[in-house]
Amino acid sequence: MKRFRLLYVGGIGRSGSTLIERLLGELPEVCSVGEVVHMWRRSLVDDEKCGCGRPFGACDFWRAVGVEAFGGWDRVDAHELLALQRGVDRTRYIPWLICGRAPAELAARVERYTDFYDRLYTAVAKVSGCSVIVDSSKHASLAVCLRHRYGDRLRLLHVVRDPRAVAYSWGKRMVRPDATPTSPEQEMARYSPSRAAVQWMAQNTVLAELARRGTPTMRVRYEDFVADPLREFRAIAEFAGGSGTTPIGPDGAALLSPGHTVSGNPLRFCTGAVEVRPDVSWRGELRPRNRIMVSALTFPTRRRFGY
């Protein structure tokens, strides 16, 4: 069995994590697989596109992974797995799991649920030949489940962004380019400013608590990353267990090659030259009343992260 290092990218969506994940995927020893938490429905049920542009079921990489992990994807009951996910991977279960005091029935479900992830990661490592697997699912609840299985073997890259920028981004209307005609989600999810603020606090607080409880963690602020991407990425690559090389040039530009990510921000389909630069459009476009509300709601937590 191939030994691998798991790097879990956590945080609330729209914080810049997809770009960091794609850049990590350019390192020779790293395989970035996207938001695995969503693949059970979007890939196995809806057959949405892989990052390479092909439908999941037609992607040679994922076909090989499925055979290695489960004897073929047809051996996986996606609907049964989704039901298991609903009984485990939820915020309501975090207090039990994070304290290591889960009732026996919940602990058994977590063991069964994370077994699917472990088999998947192991197969990805074998098929790709990479020693570092990056899962950018972001959900704090999944991070807690994976910690329950891996303990200190789990490495957490905690990506944080100004909550007002996050709230503005969650309010945008964006089509999902990976959706099939039968996909139930034709657009990316949208949150109201108040819901985005509450989610920002909840996700980041749980991830910070994992770090406090000993999970090896590196926290990256989006604003610091885009201000000096070369320096920040070198530190991220070293934490991940990469070689310390970087796909980012001195001018902040990078070349992205096609990957095999499942689900996530449309940036996962981008290839070729990309420029790492800040997006501060929220400063002029977020309505003043929403800015004030998000600022007030997140005040106790955002100060902890330097905002």
Protein backbone atom coordinates (compact mmCIF):
# COMPACT_ATOMS: atom_id res chain seq x y z
CA MET A 1 0.00 0.00 0.00
CA LYS A 2 1.43 3.34 -1.04
CA ARG A 3 2.02 5.72 1.87
CA PHE A 4 0.78 9.24 1.29
CA ARG A 5 0.55 12.56 3.10
CA LEU A 6 -2.93 14.10 3.17
CA LEU A 7 -3.21 17.88 2.98
CA TYR A 8 -6.75 19.10 3.63
CA VAL A 9 -7.56 22.63 2.50
CA GLY A 10 -10.11 24.07 4.91
CA GLY A 11 -12.04 27.32 5.16
CA ILE A 12 -15.18 28.84 3.76
CA GLY A 13 -15.57 28.90 -0.01
CA ARG A 14 -14.66 31.99 -2.04
CA SER A 15 -11.48 32.52 -0.05
CA GLY A 16 -8.97 31.80 -2.80
CA SER A 17 -8.38 28.15 -1.94
CA THR A 18 -8.93 26.86 -5.49
CA LEU A 19 -6.01 28.87 -6.84
CA ILE A 20 -3.72 27.63 -4.08
CA GLU A 21 -4.85 24.05 -4.69
CA ARG A 22 -4.23 24.34 -8.44
CA LEU A 23 -0.76 25.72 -7.83
CA LEU A 24 0.02 22.87 -5.44
CA GLY A 25 -1.09 20.46 -8.15
CA GLU A 26 1.71 21.73 -10.36
CA LEU A 27 4.33 20.28 -8.00
CA PRO A 28 5.62 16.90 -9.21
CA GLU A 29 4.95 15.06 -5.96
CA VAL A 30 1.48 16.52 -5.40
CA CYS A 31 -1.89 15.36 -6.76
CA SER A 32 -4.78 17.78 -6.17
CA VAL A 33 -8.18 16.13 -6.44
CA GLY A 34 -10.57 19.01 -5.81
CA GLU A 35 -13.55 18.98 -3.45
CA VAL A 36 -13.97 15.29 -2.79
CA VAL A 37 -16.88 15.95 -0.41
CA HIS A 38 -19.04 16.73 -3.45
CA MET A 39 -17.84 13.98 -5.79
CA TRP A 40 -20.22 11.32 -4.45
CA ARG A 41 -23.17 13.17 -5.96
CA ARG A 42 -21.73 15.40 -8.66
CA SER A 43 -19.35 12.82 -10.11
CA LEU A 44 -20.87 9.42 -9.38
CA VAL A 45 -24.54 10.36 -9.76
CA ASP A 46 -24.56 13.37 -12.11
CA ASP A 47 -21.40 12.49 -14.07
CA GLU A 48 -20.18 16.08 -14.05
CA LYS A 49 -16.90 17.11 -15.64
CA CYS A 50 -13.49 16.35 -14.27
CA GLY A 51 -10.99 19.21 -14.26
CA CYS A 52 -9.52 17.72 -17.46
CA GLY A 53 -12.78 18.63 -19.23
CA ARG A 54 -14.10 15.09 -19.75
CA PRO A 55 -17.16 13.69 -17.96
CA PHE A 56 -16.14 11.90 -14.78
CA GLY A 57 -17.14 8.51 -16.17
CA ALA A 58 -15.01 9.04 -19.29
CA CYS A 59 -11.86 10.20 -17.46
CA ASP A 60 -9.11 7.55 -17.63
CA PHE A 61 -7.51 8.80 -14.42
CA TRP A 62 -10.65 8.46 -12.33
CA ARG A 63 -11.57 5.18 -13.98
CA ALA A 64 -8.21 3.77 -12.87
CA VAL A 65 -8.69 5.19 -9.37
CA GLY A 66 -12.13 3.62 -9.11
CA VAL A 67 -10.81 0.21 -10.08
CA GLU A 68 -7.91 0.46 -7.64
CA ALA A 69 -10.01 1.73 -4.73
CA PHE A 70 -13.27 -0.17 -5.08
CA GLY A 71 -12.95 -2.61 -7.98
CA GLY A 72 -14.77 -0.10 -10.18
CA TRP A 73 -17.18 2.75 -9.52
CA ASP A 74 -20.12 0.49 -10.24
CA ARG A 75 -19.25 -1.26 -6.96
CA VAL A 76 -19.98 1.95 -5.01
CA ASP A 77 -23.59 2.66 -4.01
CA ALA A 78 -23.49 6.45 -4.29
CA HIS A 79 -26.96 6.95 -2.79
CA GLU A 80 -26.10 4.79 0.22
CA LEU A 81 -22.88 6.76 0.65
CA LEU A 82 -24.75 10.06 0.45
CA ALA A 83 -27.13 8.86 3.16
CA LEU A 84 -24.11 7.92 5.30
CA GLN A 85 -22.64 11.36 4.65
CA ARG A 86 -25.80 13.03 5.93
CA GLY A 87 -25.51 11.00 9.13
CA VAL A 88 -21.90 11.96 9.80
CA ASP A 89 -20.57 14.97 7.90
CA ARG A 90 -22.63 17.68 9.54
CA THR A 91 -21.88 20.63 11.82
CA ARG A 92 -24.16 19.19 14.51
CA TYR A 93 -21.78 16.27 15.07
CA ILE A 94 -18.63 18.38 15.45
CA PRO A 95 -18.81 18.86 19.26
CA TRP A 96 -18.78 15.09 19.84
CA LEU A 97 -16.13 14.29 17.27
CA ILE A 98 -13.75 17.13 18.05
CA CYS A 99 -13.66 16.12 21.71
CA GLY A 100 -13.17 12.45 20.91
CA ARG A 101 -16.33 11.50 22.79
CA ALA A 102 -18.55 10.34 19.96
CA PRO A 103 -21.24 7.79 20.86
CA ALA A 104 -20.37 4.32 19.61
CA GLU A 105 -22.94 4.43 16.80
CA LEU A 106 -21.65 7.78 15.50
CA ALA A 107 -18.02 6.65 15.77
CA ALA A 108 -18.86 3.54 13.74
CA ARG A 109 -20.50 5.66 11.04
CA VAL A 110 -17.48 7.97 10.93
CA GLU A 111 -15.17 4.97 10.58
CA ARG A 112 -17.23 3.61 7.71
CA TYR A 113 -17.57 7.01 6.03
CA THR A 114 -13.89 7.92 6.20
CA ASP A 115 -12.95 4.43 4.96
CA PHE A 116 -14.26 5.53 1.55
CA TYR A 117 -11.96 8.56 1.64
CA ASP A 118 -8.97 6.52 2.78
CA ARG A 119 -9.44 3.99 0.00
CA LEU A 120 -9.85 6.82 -2.49
CA TYR A 121 -6.75 8.74 -1.35
CA THR A 122 -4.67 5.55 -1.33
CA ALA A 123 -5.76 4.73 -4.87
CA VAL A 124 -5.07 8.30 -6.05
CA ALA A 125 -1.55 8.07 -4.61
CA LYS A 126 -0.93 4.77 -6.41
CA VAL A 127 -2.40 5.79 -9.77
CA SER A 128 -0.78 9.25 -9.80
CA GLY A 129 2.53 8.16 -8.27
CA CYS A 130 2.35 11.18 -5.95
CA SER A 131 3.23 11.20 -2.26
CA VAL A 132 1.02 14.18 -1.32
CA ILE A 133 -2.75 14.21 -1.89
CA VAL A 134 -4.60 17.53 -1.64
CA ASP A 135 -8.33 17.53 -0.87
CA SER A 136 -9.82 21.03 -1.03
CA SER A 137 -13.26 20.10 0.30
CA LYS A 138 -12.96 22.97 2.81
CA HIS A 139 -15.81 21.81 5.08
CA ALA A 140 -14.78 21.92 8.73
CA SER A 141 -17.07 18.97 9.49
CA LEU A 142 -15.17 16.75 7.05
CA ALA A 143 -11.86 17.93 8.48
CA VAL A 144 -13.07 16.79 11.91
CA CYS A 145 -14.12 13.40 10.50
CA LEU A 146 -10.75 12.91 8.81
CA ARG A 147 -8.92 13.88 12.00
CA HIS A 148 -10.94 11.19 13.75
CA ARG A 149 -9.36 8.66 11.33
CA TYR A 150 -5.87 10.04 10.67
CA GLY A 151 -5.02 11.95 13.83
CA ASP A 152 -1.72 13.80 13.44
CA ARG A 153 -1.27 12.36 9.93
CA LEU A 154 -3.79 14.92 8.72
CA ARG A 155 -2.29 18.24 7.71
CA LEU A 156 -4.59 21.23 7.55
CA LEU A 157 -4.08 24.25 5.30
CA HIS A 158 -6.47 26.81 6.75
CA VAL A 159 -7.23 29.52 4.19
CA VAL A 160 -8.87 32.70 5.51
CA ARG A 161 -10.15 35.80 3.73
CA ASP A 162 -11.74 39.03 4.91
CA PRO A 163 -15.37 38.13 5.74
CA ARG A 164 -16.71 41.15 3.86
CA ALA A 165 -14.97 40.00 0.68
CA VAL A 166 -16.32 36.49 1.24
CA ALA A 167 -19.87 37.75 1.79
CA TYR A 168 -19.70 39.80 -1.40
CA SER A 169 -18.50 36.81 -3.42
CA TRP A 170 -21.20 34.50 -2.02
CA GLY A 171 -23.82 36.97 -3.22
CA LYS A 172 -22.73 36.76 -6.86
CA ARG A 173 -24.72 34.80 -9.37
CA MET A 174 -22.48 32.36 -11.26
CA VAL A 175 -23.26 29.50 -13.61
CA ARG A 176 -21.55 26.19 -12.88
CA PRO A 177 -19.70 25.22 -16.09
CA ASP A 178 -19.33 21.63 -14.89
CA ALA A 179 -23.06 21.04 -14.44
CA THR A 180 -24.83 18.58 -16.75
CA PRO A 181 -28.38 19.27 -18.02
CA THR A 182 -29.71 16.96 -15.29
CA SER A 183 -27.59 18.36 -12.45
CA PRO A 184 -29.77 19.79 -9.66
CA GLU A 185 -27.30 22.65 -9.17
CA GLN A 186 -27.01 24.68 -12.37
CA GLU A 187 -25.59 27.69 -10.53
CA MET A 188 -23.09 28.01 -7.73
CA ALA A 189 -24.66 28.31 -4.30
CA ARG A 190 -25.46 31.79 -3.03
CA TYR A 191 -25.63 33.07 0.55
CA SER A 192 -27.16 36.18 1.99
CA PRO A 193 -24.60 38.47 3.69
CA SER A 194 -25.82 37.42 7.14
CA ARG A 195 -25.60 33.71 6.34
CA ALA A 196 -22.15 34.15 4.80
CA ALA A 197 -21.02 35.92 7.97
CA VAL A 198 -22.33 33.14 10.23
CA GLN A 199 -20.75 30.45 8.04
CA TRP A 200 -17.45 32.36 7.99
CA MET A 201 -17.36 32.40 11.78
CA ALA A 202 -18.44 28.78 12.20
CA GLN A 203 -16.04 27.26 9.68
CA ASN A 204 -13.00 29.25 10.72
CA THR A 205 -13.65 28.79 14.44
CA VAL A 206 -13.79 24.99 14.12
CA LEU A 207 -10.64 24.86 11.99
CA ALA A 208 -8.82 27.07 14.49
CA GLU A 209 -9.94 24.71 17.26
CA LEU A 210 -8.48 21.75 15.38
CA ALA A 211 -5.16 23.58 15.27
CA ARG A 212 -5.42 24.31 18.99
CA ARG A 213 -6.00 20.63 19.66
CA GLY A 214 -2.80 19.64 17.87
CA THR A 215 -3.70 19.09 14.22
CA PRO A 216 -0.64 20.23 12.20
CA THR A 217 -1.93 23.44 10.66
CA MET A 218 -0.71 26.27 8.48
CA ARG A 219 -2.96 29.30 8.29
CA VAL A 220 -2.81 31.41 5.13
CA ARG A 221 -4.59 34.70 4.72
CA TYR A 222 -5.72 35.36 1.16
CA GLU A 223 -4.57 38.96 1.40
CA ASP A 224 -1.03 37.92 2.39
CA PHE A 225 -0.90 35.30 -0.35
CA VAL A 226 -1.81 37.66 -3.19
CA ALA A 227 0.50 40.36 -1.81
CA ASP A 228 3.55 38.08 -2.02
CA PRO A 229 2.54 34.83 -3.76
CA LEU A 230 6.09 33.60 -4.35
CA ARG A 231 7.09 33.74 -0.69
CA GLU A 232 3.76 32.46 0.62
CA PHE A 233 3.58 29.57 -1.82
CA ARG A 234 7.08 28.38 -1.00
CA ALA A 235 6.04 28.13 2.64
CA ILE A 236 2.82 26.31 1.70
CA ALA A 237 4.71 23.83 -0.50
CA GLU A 238 7.18 23.10 2.29
CA PHE A 239 4.33 22.54 4.76
CA ALA A 240 2.57 20.23 2.30
CA GLY A 241 5.70 18.14 1.94
CA GLY A 242 6.61 19.30 -1.54
CA SER A 243 10.05 19.92 -2.93
CA GLY A 244 10.02 23.64 -2.25
CA THR A 245 9.85 24.47 -5.94
CA THR A 246 7.17 26.83 -7.16
CA PRO A 247 5.20 27.31 -10.41
CA ILE A 248 4.98 31.03 -9.66
CA GLY A 249 7.44 33.34 -11.39
CA PRO A 250 9.00 36.49 -9.91
CA ASP A 251 6.30 38.54 -11.65
CA GLY A 252 3.49 36.69 -9.86
CA ALA A 253 2.45 34.76 -12.99
CA ALA A 254 2.06 30.99 -13.15
CA LEU A 255 1.29 28.33 -15.72
CA LEU A 256 -1.53 25.89 -14.94
CA SER A 257 -1.74 22.54 -16.68
CA PRO A 258 -4.92 20.42 -16.91
CA GLY A 259 -5.70 18.48 -13.75
CA HIS A 260 -8.15 15.91 -12.46
CA THR A 261 -10.06 17.86 -9.83
CA VAL A 262 -13.64 16.97 -8.99
CA SER A 263 -16.04 19.81 -8.19
CA GLY A 264 -15.08 23.29 -7.05
CA ASN A 265 -14.66 26.81 -8.34
CA PRO A 266 -14.70 27.22 -12.17
CA LEU A 267 -11.01 28.14 -11.88
CA ARG A 268 -10.31 24.41 -11.82
CA PHE A 269 -10.86 24.37 -15.60
CA CYS A 270 -8.41 27.21 -16.31
CA THR A 271 -5.14 26.32 -18.03
CA GLY A 272 -2.22 28.35 -19.28
CA ALA A 273 -0.92 31.57 -17.80
CA VAL A 274 -2.65 33.03 -14.77
CA GLU A 275 -1.69 36.09 -12.77
CA VAL A 276 -1.87 35.95 -9.00
CA ARG A 277 -3.33 39.30 -8.03
CA PRO A 278 -5.70 40.65 -5.38
CA ASP A 279 -9.43 40.95 -5.97
CA VAL A 280 -10.71 43.90 -3.96
CA SER A 281 -13.85 44.65 -5.97
CA TRP A 282 -15.91 44.12 -2.82
CA ARG A 283 -14.59 47.38 -1.37
CA GLY A 284 -16.51 49.41 -3.91
CA GLU A 285 -19.38 47.04 -4.72
CA LEU A 286 -20.54 45.58 -1.39
CA ARG A 287 -23.51 47.64 -0.22
CA PRO A 288 -22.65 49.80 2.82
CA ARG A 289 -25.44 48.30 4.94
CA ASN A 290 -24.24 44.78 4.15
CA ARG A 291 -20.66 45.73 4.89
CA ILE A 292 -21.69 47.13 8.26
CA MET A 293 -23.78 44.07 9.07
CA VAL A 294 -21.05 41.56 8.16
CA SER A 295 -18.48 43.62 10.05
CA ALA A 296 -20.67 43.64 13.15
CA LEU A 297 -21.57 39.95 13.03
CA THR A 298 -17.99 38.78 12.54
CA PHE A 299 -16.30 41.30 14.83
CA PRO A 300 -15.39 38.92 17.68
CA THR A 301 -13.97 36.30 15.31
CA ARG A 302 -12.35 38.34 12.54
CA ARG A 303 -10.06 40.16 14.97
CA ARG A 304 -8.62 36.77 15.83
CA PHE A 305 -7.49 36.42 12.20
CA GLY A 306 -6.21 39.97 11.84
CA TYR A 307 -9.20 41.63 10.13
